[in-house]
Amino acid sequence: GRGTVWSGRVSVGSHPWLADHAVGGQVWVPGTALLELGLHAALRTASAGVEELTLRQPLVLPERGGVEVQVVVEPGPRPEVGVYSRSAGDEQAVWQ
């Protein structure tokens, strides 16, 4: 698409507070953090904000290393924001 893309990396090493959000022994990025990423991107592209949020799967952080994250804003009358991730350092991994 013609969307705007932001990218970054998230790990327990770079964001130690995430270790406090463990579910079943796995560190999950809180849904509110994903909302904040989407809202930040939406506001940077002149969108009014986020009307609806659908979390399809948790963003689980590995014990070692991290994940690469992309936030994509697709333009339109009702812009859509997507947050995607893949294992850090694995260029062949599929964005999910």
N, C-alpha and C. Protein backbone atom coordinates (compact mmCIF):
# COMPACT_ATOMS: atom_id res chain seq x y z
N GLY A 1 0.82 -1.18 0.00
CA GLY A 1 0.00 0.00 0.00
C GLY A 1 0.86 1.25 0.00
N ARG A 2 0.20 2.36 0.14
CA ARG A 2 0.86 3.66 0.17
C ARG A 2 1.02 4.15 1.61
N GLY A 3 0.92 3.25 2.56
CA GLY A 3 0.92 3.62 3.96
C GLY A 3 2.25 4.14 4.47
N THR A 4 2.18 4.72 5.65
CA THR A 4 3.35 5.19 6.37
C THR A 4 3.76 4.10 7.34
N VAL A 5 5.07 3.84 7.42
CA VAL A 5 5.57 2.74 8.26
C VAL A 5 6.58 3.28 9.27
N TRP A 6 6.40 2.90 10.53
CA TRP A 6 7.38 3.15 11.59
C TRP A 6 7.90 1.79 12.02
N SER A 7 9.16 1.73 12.40
CA SER A 7 9.70 0.45 12.85
C SER A 7 10.59 0.65 14.06
N GLY A 8 10.73 -0.42 14.82
CA GLY A 8 11.57 -0.38 16.01
C GLY A 8 11.78 -1.79 16.53
N ARG A 9 12.38 -1.86 17.69
CA ARG A 9 12.67 -3.16 18.29
C ARG A 9 12.26 -3.11 19.75
N VAL A 10 11.70 -4.22 20.24
CA VAL A 10 11.25 -4.31 21.63
C VAL A 10 11.85 -5.56 22.24
N SER A 11 12.38 -5.42 23.45
CA SER A 11 12.90 -6.57 24.19
C SER A 11 12.80 -6.26 25.67
N VAL A 12 12.90 -7.30 26.48
CA VAL A 12 12.91 -7.10 27.93
C VAL A 12 14.18 -6.34 28.33
N GLY A 13 15.26 -6.55 27.59
CA GLY A 13 16.50 -5.84 27.88
C GLY A 13 16.38 -4.34 27.67
N SER A 14 15.68 -3.92 26.61
CA SER A 14 15.53 -2.49 26.32
C SER A 14 14.36 -1.86 27.06
N HIS A 15 13.41 -2.68 27.49
CA HIS A 15 12.22 -2.21 28.21
C HIS A 15 11.97 -3.14 29.40
N PRO A 16 12.80 -3.05 30.46
CA PRO A 16 12.73 -4.00 31.57
C PRO A 16 11.38 -4.07 32.27
N TRP A 17 10.61 -2.99 32.23
CA TRP A 17 9.30 -2.99 32.88
C TRP A 17 8.36 -4.02 32.27
N LEU A 18 8.62 -4.43 31.04
CA LEU A 18 7.75 -5.42 30.40
C LEU A 18 7.79 -6.77 31.11
N ALA A 19 8.89 -7.06 31.82
CA ALA A 19 9.00 -8.33 32.55
C ALA A 19 7.93 -8.45 33.62
N ASP A 20 7.37 -7.32 34.05
CA ASP A 20 6.31 -7.32 35.06
C ASP A 20 4.97 -7.77 34.48
N HIS A 21 4.89 -7.90 33.17
CA HIS A 21 3.64 -8.27 32.51
C HIS A 21 3.78 -9.68 31.94
N ALA A 22 3.89 -10.65 32.83
CA ALA A 22 4.05 -12.05 32.41
C ALA A 22 2.73 -12.79 32.55
N VAL A 23 2.43 -13.62 31.59
CA VAL A 23 1.23 -14.45 31.58
C VAL A 23 1.68 -15.88 31.33
N GLY A 24 1.44 -16.75 32.28
CA GLY A 24 1.83 -18.15 32.10
C GLY A 24 3.32 -18.33 31.88
N GLY A 25 4.14 -17.48 32.49
CA GLY A 25 5.58 -17.60 32.33
C GLY A 25 6.14 -16.93 31.09
N GLN A 26 5.29 -16.33 30.27
CA GLN A 26 5.73 -15.62 29.06
C GLN A 26 5.51 -14.12 29.25
N VAL A 27 6.42 -13.33 28.70
CA VAL A 27 6.28 -11.88 28.78
C VAL A 27 5.47 -11.40 27.58
N TRP A 28 4.32 -10.80 27.88
CA TRP A 28 3.45 -10.25 26.84
C TRP A 28 3.57 -8.73 26.85
N VAL A 29 3.60 -8.13 25.69
CA VAL A 29 3.51 -6.68 25.60
C VAL A 29 2.05 -6.33 25.89
N PRO A 30 1.80 -5.46 26.87
CA PRO A 30 0.41 -5.13 27.21
C PRO A 30 -0.35 -4.55 26.02
N GLY A 31 -1.63 -4.85 25.94
CA GLY A 31 -2.47 -4.31 24.88
C GLY A 31 -2.47 -2.79 24.86
N THR A 32 -2.36 -2.18 26.05
CA THR A 32 -2.33 -0.71 26.10
C THR A 32 -1.07 -0.15 25.44
N ALA A 33 0.04 -0.90 25.49
CA ALA A 33 1.26 -0.45 24.81
C ALA A 33 1.07 -0.52 23.30
N LEU A 34 0.39 -1.56 22.82
CA LEU A 34 0.11 -1.67 21.39
C LEU A 34 -0.83 -0.55 20.95
N LEU A 35 -1.83 -0.24 21.79
CA LEU A 35 -2.73 0.86 21.50
C LEU A 35 -1.95 2.17 21.42
N GLU A 36 -1.03 2.38 22.34
CA GLU A 36 -0.22 3.60 22.35
C GLU A 36 0.61 3.72 21.06
N LEU A 37 1.19 2.61 20.61
CA LEU A 37 1.94 2.62 19.34
C LEU A 37 1.03 3.04 18.19
N GLY A 38 -0.16 2.43 18.12
CA GLY A 38 -1.10 2.75 17.05
C GLY A 38 -1.60 4.17 17.12
N LEU A 39 -1.91 4.63 18.33
CA LEU A 39 -2.40 5.99 18.50
C LEU A 39 -1.34 7.01 18.12
N HIS A 40 -0.12 6.78 18.55
CA HIS A 40 0.99 7.67 18.20
C HIS A 40 1.13 7.79 16.68
N ALA A 41 1.09 6.66 15.99
CA ALA A 41 1.22 6.66 14.53
C ALA A 41 0.02 7.35 13.88
N ALA A 42 -1.18 7.07 14.38
CA ALA A 42 -2.39 7.67 13.81
C ALA A 42 -2.34 9.19 13.94
N LEU A 43 -1.94 9.68 15.09
CA LEU A 43 -1.90 11.13 15.30
C LEU A 43 -0.82 11.79 14.45
N ARG A 44 0.24 11.08 14.11
CA ARG A 44 1.30 11.63 13.27
C ARG A 44 0.89 11.71 11.81
N THR A 45 -0.19 11.05 11.45
CA THR A 45 -0.65 11.08 10.06
C THR A 45 -1.97 11.83 9.93
N ALA A 46 -2.26 12.69 10.88
CA ALA A 46 -3.43 13.57 10.87
C ALA A 46 -4.74 12.83 11.07
N SER A 47 -4.71 11.62 11.58
CA SER A 47 -5.95 10.93 11.91
C SER A 47 -6.44 11.47 13.25
N ALA A 48 -7.73 11.35 13.47
CA ALA A 48 -8.33 11.87 14.70
C ALA A 48 -8.01 11.02 15.91
N GLY A 49 -7.64 9.78 15.71
CA GLY A 49 -7.38 8.89 16.83
C GLY A 49 -7.73 7.47 16.46
N VAL A 50 -7.98 6.66 17.46
CA VAL A 50 -8.33 5.26 17.25
C VAL A 50 -9.77 5.04 17.69
N GLU A 51 -10.61 4.59 16.77
CA GLU A 51 -12.02 4.33 17.07
C GLU A 51 -12.25 2.91 17.57
N GLU A 52 -11.46 1.98 17.07
CA GLU A 52 -11.68 0.56 17.40
C GLU A 52 -10.33 -0.14 17.44
N LEU A 53 -10.21 -1.08 18.38
CA LEU A 53 -8.97 -1.85 18.52
C LEU A 53 -9.31 -3.32 18.53
N THR A 54 -8.65 -4.08 17.67
CA THR A 54 -8.80 -5.53 17.64
C THR A 54 -7.43 -6.14 17.86
N LEU A 55 -7.28 -6.89 18.94
CA LEU A 55 -6.03 -7.59 19.21
C LEU A 55 -6.21 -9.03 18.77
N ARG A 56 -5.54 -9.42 17.70
CA ARG A 56 -5.72 -10.76 17.14
C ARG A 56 -4.90 -11.82 17.85
N GLN A 57 -3.75 -11.42 18.38
CA GLN A 57 -2.90 -12.35 19.12
C GLN A 57 -1.97 -11.53 20.00
N PRO A 58 -1.51 -12.11 21.10
CA PRO A 58 -0.60 -11.35 21.97
C PRO A 58 0.77 -11.20 21.32
N LEU A 59 1.45 -10.14 21.69
CA LEU A 59 2.83 -9.95 21.27
C LEU A 59 3.70 -10.48 22.41
N VAL A 60 4.22 -11.69 22.22
CA VAL A 60 5.01 -12.38 23.24
C VAL A 60 6.48 -12.13 22.97
N LEU A 61 7.20 -11.73 24.00
CA LEU A 61 8.63 -11.48 23.85
C LEU A 61 9.43 -12.72 24.21
N PRO A 62 10.48 -12.99 23.45
CA PRO A 62 11.33 -14.15 23.77
C PRO A 62 12.16 -13.87 25.03
N GLU A 63 12.63 -14.95 25.65
CA GLU A 63 13.47 -14.78 26.84
C GLU A 63 14.76 -14.05 26.51
N ARG A 64 15.31 -14.33 25.34
CA ARG A 64 16.54 -13.67 24.88
C ARG A 64 16.26 -12.98 23.55
N GLY A 65 16.93 -11.89 23.34
CA GLY A 65 16.71 -11.16 22.10
C GLY A 65 15.43 -10.34 22.20
N GLY A 66 14.84 -10.07 21.08
CA GLY A 66 13.64 -9.26 21.07
C GLY A 66 12.84 -9.48 19.81
N VAL A 67 11.95 -8.55 19.55
CA VAL A 67 11.14 -8.60 18.34
C VAL A 67 11.26 -7.25 17.62
N GLU A 68 11.20 -7.31 16.31
CA GLU A 68 11.10 -6.11 15.50
C GLU A 68 9.62 -5.81 15.36
N VAL A 69 9.28 -4.54 15.42
CA VAL A 69 7.89 -4.11 15.36
C VAL A 69 7.73 -3.10 14.23
N GLN A 70 6.65 -3.24 13.47
CA GLN A 70 6.28 -2.25 12.47
C GLN A 70 4.88 -1.75 12.79
N VAL A 71 4.71 -0.44 12.70
CA VAL A 71 3.38 0.17 12.82
C VAL A 71 3.10 0.79 11.46
N VAL A 72 2.01 0.36 10.84
CA VAL A 72 1.67 0.79 9.49
C VAL A 72 0.33 1.52 9.52
N VAL A 73 0.29 2.72 8.95
CA VAL A 73 -0.96 3.48 8.82
C VAL A 73 -1.30 3.54 7.34
N GLU A 74 -2.44 2.95 6.99
CA GLU A 74 -2.94 2.99 5.61
C GLU A 74 -3.91 4.16 5.49
N PRO A 75 -3.70 5.06 4.52
CA PRO A 75 -4.56 6.23 4.38
C PRO A 75 -5.95 5.87 3.88
N GLY A 76 -6.87 6.77 4.08
CA GLY A 76 -8.23 6.59 3.58
C GLY A 76 -9.19 7.37 4.45
N PRO A 77 -10.49 7.33 4.10
CA PRO A 77 -11.49 8.04 4.89
C PRO A 77 -11.47 7.61 6.37
N ARG A 78 -11.22 6.33 6.58
CA ARG A 78 -11.05 5.78 7.94
C ARG A 78 -9.72 5.04 7.94
N PRO A 79 -8.62 5.76 8.19
CA PRO A 79 -7.30 5.13 8.14
C PRO A 79 -7.22 3.90 9.03
N GLU A 80 -6.51 2.89 8.56
CA GLU A 80 -6.32 1.68 9.35
C GLU A 80 -4.88 1.62 9.84
N VAL A 81 -4.73 1.23 11.09
CA VAL A 81 -3.42 1.11 11.71
C VAL A 81 -3.18 -0.36 12.02
N GLY A 82 -2.04 -0.88 11.63
CA GLY A 82 -1.67 -2.26 11.94
C GLY A 82 -0.35 -2.29 12.68
N VAL A 83 -0.25 -3.17 13.65
CA VAL A 83 1.01 -3.37 14.38
C VAL A 83 1.45 -4.80 14.10
N TYR A 84 2.64 -4.95 13.54
CA TYR A 84 3.14 -6.26 13.13
C TYR A 84 4.49 -6.52 13.80
N SER A 85 4.81 -7.79 13.98
CA SER A 85 6.09 -8.13 14.62
C SER A 85 6.69 -9.37 13.99
N ARG A 86 7.99 -9.52 14.22
CA ARG A 86 8.72 -10.74 13.84
C ARG A 86 9.96 -10.82 14.73
N SER A 87 10.57 -11.98 14.78
CA SER A 87 11.77 -12.18 15.59
C SER A 87 12.86 -11.22 15.12
N ALA A 88 13.51 -10.58 16.07
CA ALA A 88 14.58 -9.64 15.74
C ALA A 88 15.75 -10.39 15.11
N GLY A 89 16.30 -9.81 14.06
CA GLY A 89 17.47 -10.38 13.41
C GLY A 89 17.17 -11.47 12.41
N ASP A 90 15.90 -11.83 12.24
CA ASP A 90 15.53 -12.89 11.29
C ASP A 90 14.84 -12.25 10.10
N GLU A 91 15.63 -11.84 9.12
CA GLU A 91 15.09 -11.14 7.95
C GLU A 91 14.14 -12.00 7.13
N GLN A 92 14.20 -13.32 7.29
CA GLN A 92 13.32 -14.22 6.53
C GLN A 92 11.98 -14.44 7.23
N ALA A 93 11.88 -14.04 8.48
CA ALA A 93 10.65 -14.26 9.24
C ALA A 93 9.51 -13.44 8.65
N VAL A 94 8.32 -13.97 8.73
CA VAL A 94 7.13 -13.31 8.21
C VAL A 94 6.60 -12.33 9.27
N TRP A 95 6.23 -11.14 8.82
CA TRP A 95 5.60 -10.18 9.72
C TRP A 95 4.23 -10.71 10.11
N GLN A 96 3.95 -10.71 11.38
CA GLN A 96 2.64 -11.19 11.87
C GLN A 96 1.93 -10.09 12.60
